[in-house]
PDB file of N, CA and C in Angstrom:
ATOM      1  N   MET A   1      16.305  25.000  36.775  1.00  0.00           N
ATOM      2  CA  MET A   1      17.205  24.132  36.047  1.00  0.00           C
ATOM      3  C   MET A   1      17.310  22.769  36.702  1.00  0.00           C
ATOM      4  N   ASP A   2      17.320  22.748  38.003  1.00  0.00           N
ATOM      5  CA  ASP A   2      17.407  21.494  38.733  1.00  0.00           C
ATOM      6  C   ASP A   2      16.181  20.627  38.464  1.00  0.00           C
ATOM      7  N   GLU A   3      15.028  21.240  38.381  1.00  0.00           N
ATOM      8  CA  GLU A   3      13.781  20.510  38.096  1.00  0.00           C
ATOM      9  C   GLU A   3      13.810  19.933  36.686  1.00  0.00           C
ATOM     10  N   ASN A   4      14.363  20.660  35.738  1.00  0.00           N
ATOM     11  CA  ASN A   4      14.474  20.210  34.359  1.00  0.00           C
ATOM     12  C   ASN A   4      15.396  18.996  34.269  1.00  0.00           C
ATOM     13  N   ASN A   5      16.488  18.967  35.006  1.00  0.00           N
ATOM     14  CA  ASN A   5      17.404  17.818  35.017  1.00  0.00           C
ATOM     15  C   ASN A   5      16.728  16.580  35.588  1.00  0.00           C
ATOM     16  N   ARG A   6      15.935  16.771  36.614  1.00  0.00           N
ATOM     17  CA  ARG A   6      15.222  15.636  37.208  1.00  0.00           C
ATOM     18  C   ARG A   6      14.227  15.033  36.226  1.00  0.00           C
ATOM     19  N   VAL A   7      13.508  15.882  35.518  1.00  0.00           N
ATOM     20  CA  VAL A   7      12.535  15.399  34.533  1.00  0.00           C
ATOM     21  C   VAL A   7      13.256  14.669  33.405  1.00  0.00           C
ATOM     22  N   THR A   8      14.351  15.231  32.926  1.00  0.00           N
ATOM     23  CA  THR A   8      15.137  14.595  31.869  1.00  0.00           C
ATOM     24  C   THR A   8      15.684  13.250  32.343  1.00  0.00           C
ATOM     25  N   HIS A   9      16.190  13.215  33.555  1.00  0.00           N
ATOM     26  CA  HIS A   9      16.713  11.969  34.124  1.00  0.00           C
ATOM     27  C   HIS A   9      15.598  10.933  34.267  1.00  0.00           C
ATOM     28  N   PHE A  10      14.427  11.393  34.725  1.00  0.00           N
ATOM     29  CA  PHE A  10      13.292  10.488  34.871  1.00  0.00           C
ATOM     30  C   PHE A  10      12.861   9.925  33.519  1.00  0.00           C
ATOM     31  N   ILE A  11      12.836  10.747  32.497  1.00  0.00           N
ATOM     32  CA  ILE A  11      12.455  10.288  31.157  1.00  0.00           C
ATOM     33  C   ILE A  11      13.463   9.270  30.642  1.00  0.00           C
ATOM     34  N   ARG A  12      14.764   9.499  30.868  1.00  0.00           N
ATOM     35  CA  ARG A  12      15.780   8.524  30.459  1.00  0.00           C
ATOM     36  C   ARG A  12      15.596   7.194  31.180  1.00  0.00           C
ATOM     37  N   LEU A  13      15.353   7.276  32.488  1.00  0.00           N
ATOM     38  CA  LEU A  13      15.129   6.046  33.249  1.00  0.00           C
ATOM     39  C   LEU A  13      13.884   5.307  32.772  1.00  0.00           C
ATOM     40  N   LEU A  14      12.843   6.047  32.477  1.00  0.00           N
ATOM     41  CA  LEU A  14      11.608   5.434  31.987  1.00  0.00           C
ATOM     42  C   LEU A  14      11.826   4.768  30.634  1.00  0.00           C
ATOM     43  N   ARG A  15      12.545   5.418  29.746  1.00  0.00           N
ATOM     44  CA  ARG A  15      12.850   4.828  28.438  1.00  0.00           C
ATOM     45  C   ARG A  15      13.683   3.562  28.596  1.00  0.00           C
ATOM     46  N   ARG A  16      14.674   3.619  29.476  1.00  0.00           N
ATOM     47  CA  ARG A  16      15.519   2.443  29.719  1.00  0.00           C
ATOM     48  C   ARG A  16      14.692   1.296  30.300  1.00  0.00           C
ATOM     49  N   PHE A  17      13.810   1.618  31.223  1.00  0.00           N
ATOM     50  CA  PHE A  17      12.948   0.598  31.823  1.00  0.00           C
ATOM     51  C   PHE A  17      12.055  -0.056  30.772  1.00  0.00           C
ATOM     52  N   VAL A  18      11.439   0.744  29.920  1.00  0.00           N
ATOM     53  CA  VAL A  18      10.555   0.215  28.878  1.00  0.00           C
ATOM     54  C   VAL A  18      11.362  -0.618  27.883  1.00  0.00           C
ATOM     55  N   THR A  19      12.521  -0.137  27.484  1.00  0.00           N
ATOM     56  CA  THR A  19      13.371  -0.871  26.548  1.00  0.00           C
ATOM     57  C   THR A  19      13.803  -2.213  27.131  1.00  0.00           C
ATOM     58  N   MET A  20      14.194  -2.213  28.400  1.00  0.00           N
ATOM     59  CA  MET A  20      14.618  -3.456  29.028  1.00  0.00           C
ATOM     60  C   MET A  20      13.457  -4.438  29.157  1.00  0.00           C
ATOM     61  N   ASN A  21      12.273  -3.953  29.467  1.00  0.00           N
ATOM     62  CA  ASN A  21      11.111  -4.842  29.547  1.00  0.00           C
ATOM     63  C   ASN A  21      10.736  -5.416  28.188  1.00  0.00           C
ATOM     64  N   ILE A  22      10.858  -4.619  27.146  1.00  0.00           N
ATOM     65  CA  ILE A  22      10.586  -5.118  25.797  1.00  0.00           C
ATOM     66  C   ILE A  22      11.613  -6.182  25.417  1.00  0.00           C
ATOM     67  N   ASP A  23      12.885  -5.928  25.714  1.00  0.00           N
ATOM     68  CA  ASP A  23      13.929  -6.922  25.428  1.00  0.00           C
ATOM     69  C   ASP A  23      13.697  -8.203  26.214  1.00  0.00           C
ATOM     70  N   TYR A  24      13.313  -8.069  27.469  1.00  0.00           N
ATOM     71  CA  TYR A  24      13.023  -9.244  28.293  1.00  0.00           C
ATOM     72  C   TYR A  24      11.854 -10.035  27.709  1.00  0.00           C
ATOM     73  N   ALA A  25      10.821  -9.344  27.262  1.00  0.00           N
ATOM     74  CA  ALA A  25       9.670 -10.027  26.663  1.00  0.00           C
ATOM     75  C   ALA A  25      10.073 -10.746  25.380  1.00  0.00           C
ATOM     76  N   ARG A  26      10.914 -10.130  24.578  1.00  0.00           N
ATOM     77  CA  ARG A  26      11.385 -10.773  23.345  1.00  0.00           C
ATOM     78  C   ARG A  26      12.188 -12.032  23.650  1.00  0.00           C
ATOM     79  N   LEU A  27      13.103 -11.941  24.614  1.00  0.00           N
ATOM     80  CA  LEU A  27      13.923 -13.096  24.967  1.00  0.00           C
ATOM     81  C   LEU A  27      13.067 -14.223  25.554  1.00  0.00           C
ATOM     82  N   THR A  28      12.112 -13.866  26.380  1.00  0.00           N
ATOM     83  CA  THR A  28      11.226 -14.871  26.958  1.00  0.00           C
ATOM     84  C   THR A  28      10.392 -15.541  25.876  1.00  0.00           C
ATOM     85  N   ALA A  29       9.866 -14.746  24.941  1.00  0.00           N
ATOM     86  CA  ALA A  29       9.085 -15.312  23.842  1.00  0.00           C
ATOM     87  C   ALA A  29       9.947 -16.218  22.970  1.00  0.00           C
ATOM     88  N   ALA A  30      11.178 -15.798  22.693  1.00  0.00           N
ATOM     89  CA  ALA A  30      12.077 -16.619  21.880  1.00  0.00           C
ATOM     90  C   ALA A  30      12.368 -17.942  22.576  1.00  0.00           C
ATOM     91  N   GLU A  31      12.595 -17.897  23.884  1.00  0.00           N
ATOM     92  CA  GLU A  31      12.864 -19.119  24.633  1.00  0.00           C
ATOM     93  C   GLU A  31      11.667 -20.072  24.586  1.00  0.00           C
ATOM     94  N   LYS A  32      10.489 -19.541  24.780  1.00  0.00           N
ATOM     95  CA  LYS A  32       9.294 -20.382  24.813  1.00  0.00           C
ATOM     96  C   LYS A  32       8.967 -20.958  23.442  1.00  0.00           C
ATOM     97  N   VAL A  33       9.159 -20.169  22.395  1.00  0.00           N
ATOM     98  CA  VAL A  33       8.936 -20.664  21.035  1.00  0.00           C
ATOM     99  C   VAL A  33       9.961 -21.737  20.683  1.00  0.00           C
ATOM    100  N   THR A  34      11.201 -21.547  21.123  1.00  0.00           N
ATOM    101  CA  THR A  34      12.239 -22.549  20.880  1.00  0.00           C
ATOM    102  C   THR A  34      11.898 -23.864  21.563  1.00  0.00           C
ATOM    103  N   ILE A  35      11.465 -23.804  22.802  1.00  0.00           N
ATOM    104  CA  ILE A  35      11.073 -25.015  23.531  1.00  0.00           C
ATOM    105  C   ILE A  35       9.904 -25.688  22.833  1.00  0.00           C
ATOM    106  N   LEU A  36       8.922 -24.905  22.430  1.00  0.00           N
ATOM    107  CA  LEU A  36       7.741 -25.463  21.773  1.00  0.00           C
ATOM    108  C   LEU A  36       8.111 -26.131  20.453  1.00  0.00           C
ATOM    109  N   PHE A  37       8.873 -25.454  19.604  1.00  0.00           N
ATOM    110  CA  PHE A  37       9.236 -26.018  18.301  1.00  0.00           C
ATOM    111  C   PHE A  37      10.155 -27.229  18.431  1.00  0.00           C
ATOM    112  N   SER A  38      11.093 -27.193  19.372  1.00  0.00           N
ATOM    113  CA  SER A  38      11.971 -28.343  19.535  1.00  0.00           C
ATOM    114  C   SER A  38      11.206 -29.555  20.043  1.00  0.00           C
ATOM    115  N   THR A  39      10.237 -29.339  20.904  1.00  0.00           N
ATOM    116  CA  THR A  39       9.406 -30.447  21.381  1.00  0.00           C
ATOM    117  C   THR A  39       8.556 -31.015  20.248  1.00  0.00           C
ATOM    118  N   VAL A  40       7.982 -30.146  19.437  1.00  0.00           N
ATOM    119  CA  VAL A  40       7.181 -30.606  18.298  1.00  0.00           C
ATOM    120  C   VAL A  40       8.065 -31.378  17.321  1.00  0.00           C
ATOM    121  N   ALA A  41       9.268 -30.888  17.053  1.00  0.00           N
ATOM    122  CA  ALA A  41      10.177 -31.582  16.128  1.00  0.00           C
ATOM    123  C   ALA A  41      10.580 -32.946  16.677  1.00  0.00           C
ATOM    124  N   PHE A  42      10.869 -33.014  17.973  1.00  0.00           N
ATOM    125  CA  PHE A  42      11.232 -34.295  18.583  1.00  0.00           C
ATOM    126  C   PHE A  42      10.099 -35.305  18.461  1.00  0.00           C
ATOM    127  N   TYR A  43       8.890 -34.897  18.816  1.00  0.00           N
ATOM    128  CA  TYR A  43       7.770 -35.836  18.753  1.00  0.00           C
ATOM    129  C   TYR A  43       7.401 -36.186  17.315  1.00  0.00           C
ATOM    130  N   ALA A  44       7.600 -35.261  16.381  1.00  0.00           N
ATOM    131  CA  ALA A  44       7.349 -35.582  14.974  1.00  0.00           C
ATOM    132  C   ALA A  44       8.311 -36.668  14.496  1.00  0.00           C
ATOM    133  N   MET A  45       9.576 -36.541  14.858  1.00  0.00           N
ATOM    134  CA  MET A  45      10.543 -37.574  14.480  1.00  0.00           C
ATOM    135  C   MET A  45      10.232 -38.904  15.174  1.00  0.00           C
ATOM    136  N   ALA A  46       9.820 -38.832  16.427  1.00  0.00           N
ATOM    137  CA  ALA A  46       9.458 -40.057  17.144  1.00  0.00           C
ATOM    138  C   ALA A  46       8.265 -40.736  16.483  1.00  0.00           C
ATOM    139  N   VAL A  47       7.301 -39.964  16.031  1.00  0.00           N
ATOM    140  CA  VAL A  47       6.125 -40.538  15.356  1.00  0.00           C
ATOM    141  C   VAL A  47       6.533 -41.151  14.023  1.00  0.00           C
ATOM    142  N   ILE A  48       7.400 -40.486  13.277  1.00  0.00           N
ATOM    143  CA  ILE A  48       7.840 -41.032  11.985  1.00  0.00           C
ATOM    144  C   ILE A  48       8.576 -42.351  12.181  1.00  0.00           C
ATOM    145  N   LEU A  49       9.524 -42.369  13.113  1.00  0.00           N
ATOM    146  CA  LEU A  49      10.277 -43.603  13.360  1.00  0.00           C
ATOM    147  C   LEU A  49       9.378 -44.690  13.944  1.00  0.00           C
ATOM    148  N   GLY A  50       8.469 -44.311  14.806  1.00  0.00           N
ATOM    149  CA  GLY A  50       7.518 -45.278  15.360  1.00  0.00           C
ATOM    150  C   GLY A  50       6.610 -45.859  14.292  1.00  0.00           C
ATOM    151  N   THR A  51       6.202 -45.029  13.345  1.00  0.00           N
ATOM    152  CA  THR A  51       5.353 -45.507  12.249  1.00  0.00           C
ATOM    153  C   THR A  51       6.100 -46.514  11.388  1.00  0.00           C
ATOM    154  N   ILE A  52       7.337 -46.212  11.069  1.00  0.00           N
ATOM    155  CA  ILE A  52       8.147 -47.147  10.273  1.00  0.00           C
ATOM    156  C   ILE A  52       8.283 -48.477  11.017  1.00  0.00           C
ATOM    157  N   PHE A  53       8.546 -48.411  12.324  1.00  0.00           N
ATOM    158  CA  PHE A  53       8.661 -49.628  13.128  1.00  0.00           C
ATOM    159  C   PHE A  53       7.365 -50.426  13.112  1.00  0.00           C
ATOM    160  N   VAL A  54       6.250 -49.748  13.284  1.00  0.00           N
ATOM    161  CA  VAL A  54       4.954 -50.436  13.321  1.00  0.00           C
ATOM    162  C   VAL A  54       4.612 -51.059  11.969  1.00  0.00           C
ATOM    163  N   VAL A  55       4.964 -50.393  10.882  1.00  0.00           N
ATOM    164  CA  VAL A  55       4.698 -50.954   9.550  1.00  0.00           C
ATOM    165  C   VAL A  55       5.466 -52.259   9.366  1.00  0.00           C
ATOM    166  N   PHE A  56       6.755 -52.245   9.677  1.00  0.00           N
ATOM    167  CA  PHE A  56       7.536 -53.472   9.509  1.00  0.00           C
ATOM    168  C   PHE A  56       7.096 -54.556  10.488  1.00  0.00           C
ATOM    169  N   LEU A  57       6.742 -54.185  11.692  1.00  0.00           N
ATOM    170  CA  LEU A  57       6.238 -55.149  12.658  1.00  0.00           C
ATOM    171  C   LEU A  57       4.927 -55.762  12.172  1.00  0.00           C
ATOM    172  N   SER A  58       4.063 -54.959  11.606  1.00  0.00           N
ATOM    173  CA  SER A  58       2.786 -55.461  11.091  1.00  0.00           C
ATOM    174  C   SER A  58       2.995 -56.435   9.939  1.00  0.00           C
ATOM    175  N   ILE A  59       3.921 -56.089   9.056  1.00  0.00           N
ATOM    176  CA  ILE A  59       4.194 -56.981   7.930  1.00  0.00           C
ATOM    177  C   ILE A  59       4.738 -58.311   8.427  1.00  0.00           C
ATOM    178  N   SER A  60       5.651 -58.249   9.395  1.00  0.00           N
ATOM    179  CA  SER A  60       6.219 -59.505   9.899  1.00  0.00           C
ATOM    180  C   SER A  60       5.175 -60.324  10.648  1.00  0.00           C
ATOM    181  N   ILE A  61       4.317 -59.688  11.422  1.00  0.00           N
ATOM    182  CA  ILE A  61       3.252 -60.432  12.107  1.00  0.00           C
ATOM    183  C   ILE A  61       2.290 -61.042  11.100  1.00  0.00           C
ATOM    184  N   GLY A  62       1.976 -60.288  10.045  1.00  0.00           N
ATOM    185  CA  GLY A  62       1.120 -60.829   8.990  1.00  0.00           C
ATOM    186  C   GLY A  62       1.729 -62.044   8.327  1.00  0.00           C
ATOM    187  N   HIS A  63       3.011 -61.981   8.032  1.00  0.00           N
ATOM    188  CA  HIS A  63       3.690 -63.139   7.433  1.00  0.00           C
ATOM    189  C   HIS A  63       3.717 -64.332   8.383  1.00  0.00           C
ATOM    190  N   ILE A  64       3.995 -64.071   9.642  1.00  0.00           N
ATOM    191  CA  ILE A  64       4.025 -65.170  10.616  1.00  0.00           C
ATOM    192  C   ILE A  64       2.645 -65.814  10.749  1.00  0.00           C
ATOM    193  N   LEU A  65       1.605 -64.981  10.829  1.00  0.00           N
ATOM    194  CA  LEU A  65       0.247 -65.523  10.956  1.00  0.00           C
ATOM    195  C   LEU A  65      -0.209 -66.234   9.682  1.00  0.00           C
ATOM    196  N   SER A  66       0.309 -65.797   8.527  1.00  0.00           N
ATOM    197  CA  SER A  66      -0.119 -66.430   7.270  1.00  0.00           C
ATOM    198  C   SER A  66       0.410 -67.853   7.137  1.00  0.00           C
ATOM    199  N   THR A  67       1.447 -68.195   7.883  1.00  0.00           N
ATOM    200  CA  THR A  67       1.976 -69.561   7.826  1.00  0.00           C
ATOM    201  C   THR A  67       1.181 -70.527   8.712  1.00  0.00           C
ATOM    202  N   THR A  68       0.267 -69.998   9.522  1.00  0.00           N
ATOM    203  CA  THR A  68      -0.546 -70.849  10.390  1.00  0.00           C
ATOM    204  C   THR A  68      -1.813 -71.254   9.645  1.00  0.00           C
ATOM    205  N   ASP A  69      -2.738 -71.861  10.369  1.00  0.00           N
ATOM    206  CA  ASP A  69      -4.003 -72.290   9.773  1.00  0.00           C
ATOM    207  C   ASP A  69      -4.885 -71.118   9.368  1.00  0.00           C
ATOM    208  N   ILE A  70      -4.585 -69.930   9.875  1.00  0.00           N
ATOM    209  CA  ILE A  70      -5.405 -68.749   9.567  1.00  0.00           C
ATOM    210  C   ILE A  70      -5.264 -68.372   8.096  1.00  0.00           C
ATOM    211  N   GLY A  71      -4.057 -68.472   7.565  1.00  0.00           N
ATOM    212  CA  GLY A  71      -3.801 -68.218   6.148  1.00  0.00           C
ATOM    213  C   GLY A  71      -4.107 -66.805   5.712  1.00  0.00           C
ATOM    214  N   GLY A  72      -5.080 -66.685   4.811  1.00  0.00           N
ATOM    215  CA  GLY A  72      -5.417 -65.402   4.201  1.00  0.00           C
ATOM    216  C   GLY A  72      -6.025 -64.393   5.157  1.00  0.00           C
ATOM    217  N   TRP A  73      -6.505 -64.843   6.295  1.00  0.00           N
ATOM    218  CA  TRP A  73      -7.111 -63.940   7.264  1.00  0.00           C
ATOM    219  C   TRP A  73      -6.060 -63.201   8.104  1.00  0.00           C
ATOM    220  N   ALA A  74      -4.829 -63.548   7.976  1.00  0.00           N
ATOM    221  CA  ALA A  74      -3.775 -62.985   8.828  1.00  0.00           C
ATOM    222  C   ALA A  74      -3.710 -61.465   8.720  1.00  0.00           C
ATOM    223  N   TYR A  75      -3.714 -60.945   7.503  1.00  0.00           N
ATOM    224  CA  TYR A  75      -3.601 -59.494   7.332  1.00  0.00           C
ATOM    225  C   TYR A  75      -4.871 -58.789   7.777  1.00  0.00           C
ATOM    226  N   LEU A  76      -6.012 -59.438   7.630  1.00  0.00           N
ATOM    227  CA  LEU A  76      -7.254 -58.840   8.133  1.00  0.00           C
ATOM    228  C   LEU A  76      -7.254 -58.788   9.657  1.00  0.00           C
ATOM    229  N   ILE A  77      -6.669 -59.771  10.304  1.00  0.00           N
ATOM    230  CA  ILE A  77      -6.570 -59.749  11.767  1.00  0.00           C
ATOM    231  C   ILE A  77      -5.671 -58.595  12.209  1.00  0.00           C
ATOM    232  N   VAL A  78      -4.553 -58.396  11.544  1.00  0.00           N
ATOM    233  CA  VAL A  78      -3.655 -57.283  11.871  1.00  0.00           C
ATOM    234  C   VAL A  78      -4.370 -55.955  11.615  1.00  0.00           C
ATOM    235  N   ALA A  79      -5.088 -55.849  10.501  1.00  0.00           N
ATOM    236  CA  ALA A  79      -5.837 -54.622  10.200  1.00  0.00           C
ATOM    237  C   ALA A  79      -6.933 -54.385  11.235  1.00  0.00           C
ATOM    238  N   GLY A  80      -7.600 -55.436  11.684  1.00  0.00           N
ATOM    239  CA  GLY A  80      -8.624 -55.306  12.722  1.00  0.00           C
ATOM    240  C   GLY A  80      -8.038 -54.799  14.027  1.00  0.00           C
ATOM    241  N   PHE A  81      -6.841 -55.257  14.364  1.00  0.00           N
ATOM    242  CA  PHE A  81      -6.171 -54.767  15.561  1.00  0.00           C
ATOM    243  C   PHE A  81      -5.931 -53.256  15.460  1.00  0.00           C
ATOM    244  N   TYR A  82      -5.481 -52.802  14.292  1.00  0.00           N
ATOM    245  CA  TYR A  82      -5.241 -51.370  14.125  1.00  0.00           C
ATOM    246  C   TYR A  82      -6.541 -50.580  14.095  1.00  0.00           C
ATOM    247  N   LEU A  83      -7.612 -51.191  13.610  1.00  0.00           N
ATOM    248  CA  LEU A  83      -8.910 -50.528  13.664  1.00  0.00           C
ATOM    249  C   LEU A  83      -9.344 -50.340  15.119  1.00  0.00           C
ATOM    250  N   LEU A  84      -9.138 -51.353  15.952  1.00  0.00           N
ATOM    251  CA  LEU A  84      -9.451 -51.217  17.377  1.00  0.00           C
ATOM    252  C   LEU A  84      -8.582 -50.138  18.037  1.00  0.00           C
ATOM    253  N   MET A  85      -7.320 -50.079  17.665  1.00  0.00           N
ATOM    254  CA  MET A  85      -6.431 -49.042  18.202  1.00  0.00           C
ATOM    255  C   MET A  85      -6.904 -47.646  17.783  1.00  0.00           C
ATOM    256  N   PHE A  86      -7.366 -47.529  16.533  1.00  0.00           N
ATOM    257  CA  PHE A  86      -7.868 -46.251  16.045  1.00  0.00           C
ATOM    258  C   PHE A  86      -9.114 -45.821  16.820  1.00  0.00           C
ATOM    259  N   VAL A  87     -10.037 -46.755  17.040  1.00  0.00           N
ATOM    260  CA  VAL A  87     -11.253 -46.441  17.795  1.00  0.00           C
ATOM    261  C   VAL A  87     -10.894 -46.018  19.222  1.00  0.00           C
ATOM    262  N   ALA A  88      -9.938 -46.715  19.836  1.00  0.00           N
ATOM    263  CA  ALA A  88      -9.511 -46.346  21.182  1.00  0.00           C
ATOM    264  C   ALA A  88      -8.906 -44.942  21.194  1.00  0.00           C
ATOM    265  N   LEU A  89      -8.113 -44.607  20.183  1.00  0.00           N
ATOM    266  CA  LEU A  89      -7.536 -43.264  20.114  1.00  0.00           C
ATOM    267  C   LEU A  89      -8.608 -42.196  19.948  1.00  0.00           C
ATOM    268  N   VAL A  90      -9.616 -42.470  19.132  1.00  0.00           N
ATOM    269  CA  VAL A  90     -10.689 -41.499  18.940  1.00  0.00           C
ATOM    270  C   VAL A  90     -11.449 -41.304  20.251  1.00  0.00           C
ATOM    271  N   LEU A  91     -11.740 -42.391  20.938  1.00  0.00           N
ATOM    272  CA  LEU A  91     -12.502 -42.293  22.177  1.00  0.00           C
ATOM    273  C   LEU A  91     -11.694 -41.640  23.310  1.00  0.00           C
ATOM    274  N   LEU A  92     -10.393 -41.826  23.311  1.00  0.00           N
ATOM    275  CA  LEU A  92      -9.551 -41.296  24.379  1.00  0.00           C
ATOM    276  C   LEU A  92      -8.716 -40.091  23.947  1.00  0.00           C
ATOM    277  N   ARG A  93      -9.100 -39.434  22.843  1.00  0.00           N
ATOM    278  CA  ARG A  93      -8.276 -38.354  22.304  1.00  0.00           C
ATOM    279  C   ARG A  93      -8.117 -37.202  23.286  1.00  0.00           C
ATOM    280  N   ARG A  94      -9.151 -36.866  24.043  1.00  0.00           N
ATOM    281  CA  ARG A  94      -9.030 -35.763  24.990  1.00  0.00           C
ATOM    282  C   ARG A  94      -8.015 -36.108  26.088  1.00  0.00           C
ATOM    283  N   LYS A  95      -8.113 -37.313  26.620  1.00  0.00           N
ATOM    284  CA  LYS A  95      -7.225 -37.714  27.719  1.00  0.00           C
ATOM    285  C   LYS A  95      -5.794 -37.947  27.236  1.00  0.00           C
ATOM    286  N   LEU A  96      -5.635 -38.477  26.024  1.00  0.00           N
ATOM    287  CA  LEU A  96      -4.300 -38.820  25.537  1.00  0.00           C
ATOM    288  C   LEU A  96      -3.584 -37.686  24.818  1.00  0.00           C
ATOM    289  N   PHE A  97      -4.337 -36.789  24.183  1.00  0.00           N
ATOM    290  CA  PHE A  97      -3.698 -35.763  23.361  1.00  0.00           C
ATOM    291  C   PHE A  97      -4.028 -34.342  23.795  1.00  0.00           C
ATOM    292  N   ILE A  98      -5.307 -34.015  23.869  1.00  0.00           N
ATOM    293  CA  ILE A  98      -5.705 -32.621  24.075  1.00  0.00           C
ATOM    294  C   ILE A  98      -5.262 -32.114  25.443  1.00  0.00           C
ATOM    295  N   ASN A  99      -5.581 -32.844  26.503  1.00  0.00           N
ATOM    296  CA  ASN A  99      -5.217 -32.384  27.850  1.00  0.00           C
ATOM    297  C   ASN A  99      -3.704 -32.283  28.060  1.00  0.00           C
ATOM    298  N   PRO A 100      -2.900 -33.297  27.672  1.00  0.00           N
ATOM    299  CA  PRO A 100      -1.446 -33.137  27.858  1.00  0.00           C
ATOM    300  C   PRO A 100      -0.847 -31.992  27.047  1.00  0.00           C
ATOM    301  N   ILE A 101      -1.315 -31.804  25.814  1.00  0.00           N
ATOM    302  CA  ILE A 101      -0.795 -30.701  24.998  1.00  0.00           C
ATOM    303  C   ILE A 101      -1.195 -29.362  25.605  1.00  0.00           C
ATOM    304  N   CYS A 102      -2.428 -29.270  26.081  1.00  0.00           N
ATOM    305  CA  CYS A 102      -2.890 -28.037  26.719  1.00  0.00           C
ATOM    306  C   CYS A 102      -2.060 -27.721  27.962  1.00  0.00           C
ATOM    307  N   LYS A 103      -1.799 -28.735  28.778  1.00  0.00           N
ATOM    308  CA  LYS A 103      -0.983 -28.525  29.976  1.00  0.00           C
ATOM    309  C   LYS A 103       0.441 -28.115  29.610  1.00  0.00           C
ATOM    310  N   PHE A 104       1.003 -28.741  28.578  1.00  0.00           N
ATOM    311  CA  PHE A 104       2.361 -28.430  28.153  1.00  0.00           C
ATOM    312  C   PHE A 104       2.467 -26.992  27.671  1.00  0.00           C
ATOM    313  N   VAL A 105       1.561 -26.581  26.791  1.00  0.00           N
ATOM    314  CA  VAL A 105       1.600 -25.221  26.247  1.00  0.00           C
ATOM    315  C   VAL A 105       1.346 -24.199  27.358  1.00  0.00           C
ATOM    316  N   THR A 106       0.411 -24.501  28.253  1.00  0.00           N
ATOM    317  CA  THR A 106       0.131 -23.596  29.358  1.00  0.00           C
ATOM    318  C   THR A 106       1.341 -23.464  30.271  1.00  0.00           C
ATOM    319  N   ARG A 107       2.025 -24.571  30.539  1.00  0.00           N
ATOM    320  CA  ARG A 107       3.209 -24.537  31.398  1.00  0.00           C
ATOM    321  C   ARG A 107       4.323 -23.712  30.748  1.00  0.00           C
ATOM    322  N   ILE A 108       4.432 -23.784  29.421  1.00  0.00           N
ATOM    323  CA  ILE A 108       5.469 -23.010  28.734  1.00  0.00           C
ATOM    324  C   ILE A 108       5.121 -21.523  28.714  1.00  0.00           C
ATOM    325  N   LEU A 109       3.876 -21.209  28.381  1.00  0.00           N
ATOM    326  CA  LEU A 109       3.506 -19.811  28.160  1.00  0.00           C
ATOM    327  C   LEU A 109       3.122 -19.060  29.421  1.00  0.00           C
ATOM    328  N   CYS A 110       2.588 -19.735  30.411  1.00  0.00           N
ATOM    329  CA  CYS A 110       2.109 -19.062  31.616  1.00  0.00           C
ATOM    330  C   CYS A 110       2.954 -19.472  32.814  1.00  0.00           C
ATOM    331  N   LYS A 111       3.736 -18.548  33.294  1.00  0.00           N
ATOM    332  CA  LYS A 111       4.586 -18.819  34.447  1.00  0.00           C
ATOM    333  C   LYS A 111       3.738 -18.672  35.705  1.00  0.00           C
ATOM    334  N   PRO A 112       3.767 -19.643  36.612  1.00  0.00           N
ATOM    335  CA  PRO A 112       2.985 -19.494  37.842  1.00  0.00           C
ATOM    336  C   PRO A 112       3.546 -18.352  38.687  1.00  0.00           C
ATOM    337  N   PRO A 113       2.680 -17.693  39.465  1.00  0.00           N
ATOM    338  CA  PRO A 113       3.168 -16.576  40.276  1.00  0.00           C
ATOM    339  C   PRO A 113       4.120 -17.048  41.366  1.00  0.00           C
ATOM    340  N   GLN A 114       5.122 -16.239  41.636  1.00  0.00           N
ATOM    341  CA  GLN A 114       6.074 -16.524  42.696  1.00  0.00           C
ATOM    342  C   GLN A 114       5.467 -16.105  44.035  1.00  0.00           C
ATOM    343  N   ASP A 115       5.984 -16.649  45.119  1.00  0.00           N
ATOM    344  CA  ASP A 115       5.472 -16.302  46.439  1.00  0.00           C
ATOM    345  C   ASP A 115       5.655 -14.823  46.759  1.00  0.00           C
ATOM    346  N   ASN A 116       6.753 -14.248  46.313  1.00  0.00           N
ATOM    347  CA  ASN A 116       7.013 -12.848  46.618  1.00  0.00           C
ATOM    348  C   ASN A 116       6.233 -11.890  45.732  1.00  0.00           C
ATOM    349  N   GLU A 117       5.556 -12.391  44.692  1.00  0.00           N
ATOM    350  CA  GLU A 117       4.757 -11.533  43.808  1.00  0.00           C
ATOM    351  C   GLU A 117       3.352 -11.352  44.327  1.00  0.00           C
ATOM    352  N   LEU A 118       2.905 -12.164  45.243  1.00  0.00           N
ATOM    353  CA  LEU A 118       1.530 -12.083  45.730  1.00  0.00           C
ATOM    354  C   LEU A 118       1.308 -10.948  46.669  1.00  0.00           C
TER     355      LEU A 118
END
């Protein structure tokens, strides 16, 4: 009978351990997904507001340049500037976008080992 109680107690402890680890994994996943989505939402809003700012800035620069001797070429000069910016973004996309996003997601999802875990 004593052996049966030990086995039953061990099974209860094992179930509790597994349940607690599953709950911990769920909470950790929820935390990481929340951080990821909130960061994406923040940067999406920043891009939207930045785009609106750049559009109005471009229009005002075009108007200012159109009053000079350049005249009709003013908007083409502004468009050429954005074409150069686009080419720079394409050429530097790995350094500016892919690597930082990869590091961010890796930092969120993969916890570095602690000294006492080694």
